[in-house]
Protein backbone atom coordinates (compact mmCIF):
# COMPACT_ATOMS: atom_id res chain seq x y z
CA MET A 1 0.00 0.00 0.00
CA PRO A 2 1.56 3.32 -1.03
CA LEU A 3 2.22 5.60 1.94
CA PRO A 4 0.55 8.65 0.32
CA ARG A 5 -2.69 6.66 0.03
CA ILE A 6 -2.63 5.73 3.72
CA LEU A 7 -1.84 9.30 4.76
CA GLY A 8 -4.51 10.68 2.43
CA ALA A 9 -7.20 9.00 4.52
CA ASP A 10 -8.14 11.82 6.90
CA PRO A 11 -10.29 10.61 9.82
CA GLY A 12 -11.57 14.13 10.47
CA GLU A 13 -13.03 14.57 13.94
CA SER A 14 -12.44 10.88 14.66
CA ALA A 15 -8.67 11.50 14.63
CA ASP A 16 -8.83 12.09 18.38
CA ARG A 17 -11.41 9.46 19.27
CA ARG A 18 -10.39 6.68 21.66
CA TRP A 19 -11.81 3.45 20.36
CA PRO A 20 -12.51 0.55 22.74
CA GLY A 21 -9.54 -1.82 22.86
CA MET A 22 -7.19 0.60 21.08
CA PRO A 23 -4.46 2.19 23.20
CA ASN A 24 -4.03 5.34 21.11
CA THR A 25 -5.93 7.67 18.82
CA ALA A 26 -5.23 7.90 15.09
CA ARG A 27 -3.61 11.32 15.60
CA GLU A 28 -1.34 9.95 18.36
CA CYS A 29 -0.37 7.01 16.16
CA LEU A 30 0.50 9.24 13.21
CA TYR A 31 2.52 11.54 15.46
CA HIS A 32 4.46 8.60 16.92
CA ILE A 33 5.35 7.37 13.42
CA LEU A 34 6.44 10.89 12.44
CA VAL A 35 8.68 11.37 15.49
CA TRP A 36 10.65 8.20 14.88
CA ALA A 37 10.80 8.66 11.10
CA GLU A 38 12.35 12.10 11.60
CA VAL A 39 14.77 10.91 14.30
CA LEU A 40 15.98 7.91 12.29
CA THR A 41 16.22 9.92 9.06
CA ALA A 42 18.33 12.53 10.86
CA CYS A 43 20.61 9.76 12.14
CA LEU A 44 21.02 8.44 8.62
CA ALA A 45 21.84 11.93 7.33
CA ASN A 46 24.26 12.58 10.22
CA GLU A 47 22.21 15.60 11.24
CA PRO A 48 21.66 16.75 14.80
CA LYS A 49 18.23 15.79 16.07
CA GLU A 50 16.99 15.86 19.61
CA TRP A 51 15.91 12.43 20.76
CA PRO A 52 12.55 12.15 22.49
CA GLN A 53 12.84 12.52 26.26
CA ASP A 54 11.02 9.22 26.71
CA LEU A 55 8.76 6.85 24.81
CA ALA A 56 5.57 8.34 26.25
CA SER A 57 6.41 11.75 24.79
CA THR A 58 6.34 10.28 21.28
CA TRP A 59 2.60 9.72 21.64
CA GLN A 60 1.79 13.21 23.02
CA VAL A 61 0.73 15.32 20.06
CA PRO A 62 1.85 18.96 20.32
CA ALA A 63 -0.52 21.85 19.62
CA GLU A 64 0.89 22.47 16.14
CA PHE A 65 -0.57 19.13 15.01
CA GLN A 66 -3.98 19.49 16.64
CA GLY A 67 -7.11 20.51 14.79
CA PRO A 68 -8.14 20.00 11.17
CA SER A 69 -4.83 21.17 9.65
CA GLY A 70 -2.69 19.10 12.03
CA TRP A 71 -3.33 15.77 10.30
CA LYS A 72 -2.26 17.12 6.92
CA ALA A 73 0.83 18.79 8.40
CA MET A 74 1.95 15.53 10.03
CA ALA A 75 1.24 13.55 6.86
CA GLU A 76 3.33 15.95 4.76
CA ARG A 77 6.25 15.85 7.20
CA LEU A 78 6.15 12.05 7.34
CA LEU A 79 6.21 11.82 3.55
CA ASP A 80 9.17 14.22 3.50
CA ALA A 81 11.08 12.14 6.06
CA VAL A 82 10.47 8.90 4.16
CA GLU A 83 11.46 10.52 0.84
CA ARG A 84 14.67 11.84 2.43
CA ALA A 85 15.50 8.42 3.87
CA SER A 86 14.90 6.84 0.46
CA ALA A 87 17.16 9.36 -1.27
CA LEU A 88 19.89 8.76 1.31
CA LEU A 89 19.70 5.01 0.70
CA GLU A 90 20.86 5.55 -2.87
CA ARG A 91 24.18 7.04 -1.76
CA LEU A 92 24.99 5.41 1.58
CA GLU A 93 26.62 2.06 2.25
CA PRO A 94 24.34 -0.13 4.42
CA ALA A 95 27.30 -1.74 6.25
CA ASP A 96 28.70 1.62 7.40
CA PRO A 97 28.08 2.73 10.98
CA VAL A 98 25.59 5.47 11.74
CA PRO A 99 27.80 8.46 12.63
CA SER A 100 25.58 9.64 15.50
CA TRP A 101 24.81 6.08 16.59
CA PRO A 102 28.05 4.15 15.91
CA LYS A 103 27.01 0.86 17.47
CA ASP A 104 24.53 0.32 14.62
CA THR A 105 24.87 0.23 10.85
CA LEU A 106 23.01 2.32 8.31
CA GLY A 107 21.36 -0.87 7.07
CA TRP A 108 20.13 -1.76 10.56
CA THR A 109 18.73 1.75 10.97
CA TYR A 110 16.86 1.52 7.67
CA GLN A 111 15.47 -1.82 8.75
CA ALA A 112 14.34 -0.33 12.07
CA LEU A 113 12.63 2.55 10.23
CA ILE A 114 10.85 0.20 7.82
CA ILE A 115 9.69 -2.28 10.48
CA HIS A 116 8.60 0.47 12.88
CA ASN A 117 6.63 2.26 10.18
CA ALA A 118 5.01 -0.94 8.92
CA TYR A 119 3.90 -1.96 12.40
CA HIS A 120 2.38 1.39 13.31
CA LEU A 121 0.93 2.06 9.85
CA GLY A 122 -1.02 -1.18 10.34
CA GLN A 123 -2.36 0.24 13.59
CA LEU A 124 -3.18 3.49 11.84
CA VAL A 125 -5.15 1.70 9.11
CA ALA A 126 -7.13 -0.16 11.81
CA LEU A 127 -7.96 3.16 13.47
CA LEU A 128 -8.91 4.69 10.12
CA ARG A 129 -11.24 1.75 9.46
CA LEU A 130 -12.93 2.29 12.81
CA ALA A 131 -13.36 5.97 11.89
CA GLY A 132 -14.92 5.06 8.55
CA ALA A 133 -12.02 6.72 6.69
CA TRP A 134 -10.60 3.52 5.20
CA PRO A 135 -10.32 2.71 2.44
CA PRO A 136 -9.91 6.30 1.25
CA LEU A 137 -12.03 7.35 -1.70
């Protein structure tokens, strides 16, 4: 499933709804994916990036991403991070260490980004289905 299609499914007011049996809202899930995509992409690019203070903070959506325009803003930033990571893959050697994270290789970091995104995008699609926003029209 192409990422732009998933991110194009806007749950509207249901973005902040807590569904029974689901630990997070759709907006919280999208924010969590965005945080780690930007952190890992910065590591790959050897750019300074502040790490989250703790795991819980990666689920706490800041004010800039609240409201109707917040979903679109997060979706655009996530697409940018994934596009940057993809472009970096073309010129980096997977066996090389991550400069800001030398115990791991670039290949391992890509793998972490892909697996993390896949796992949480599955959660996001489930939340979008509950909201009636999946599949997108």
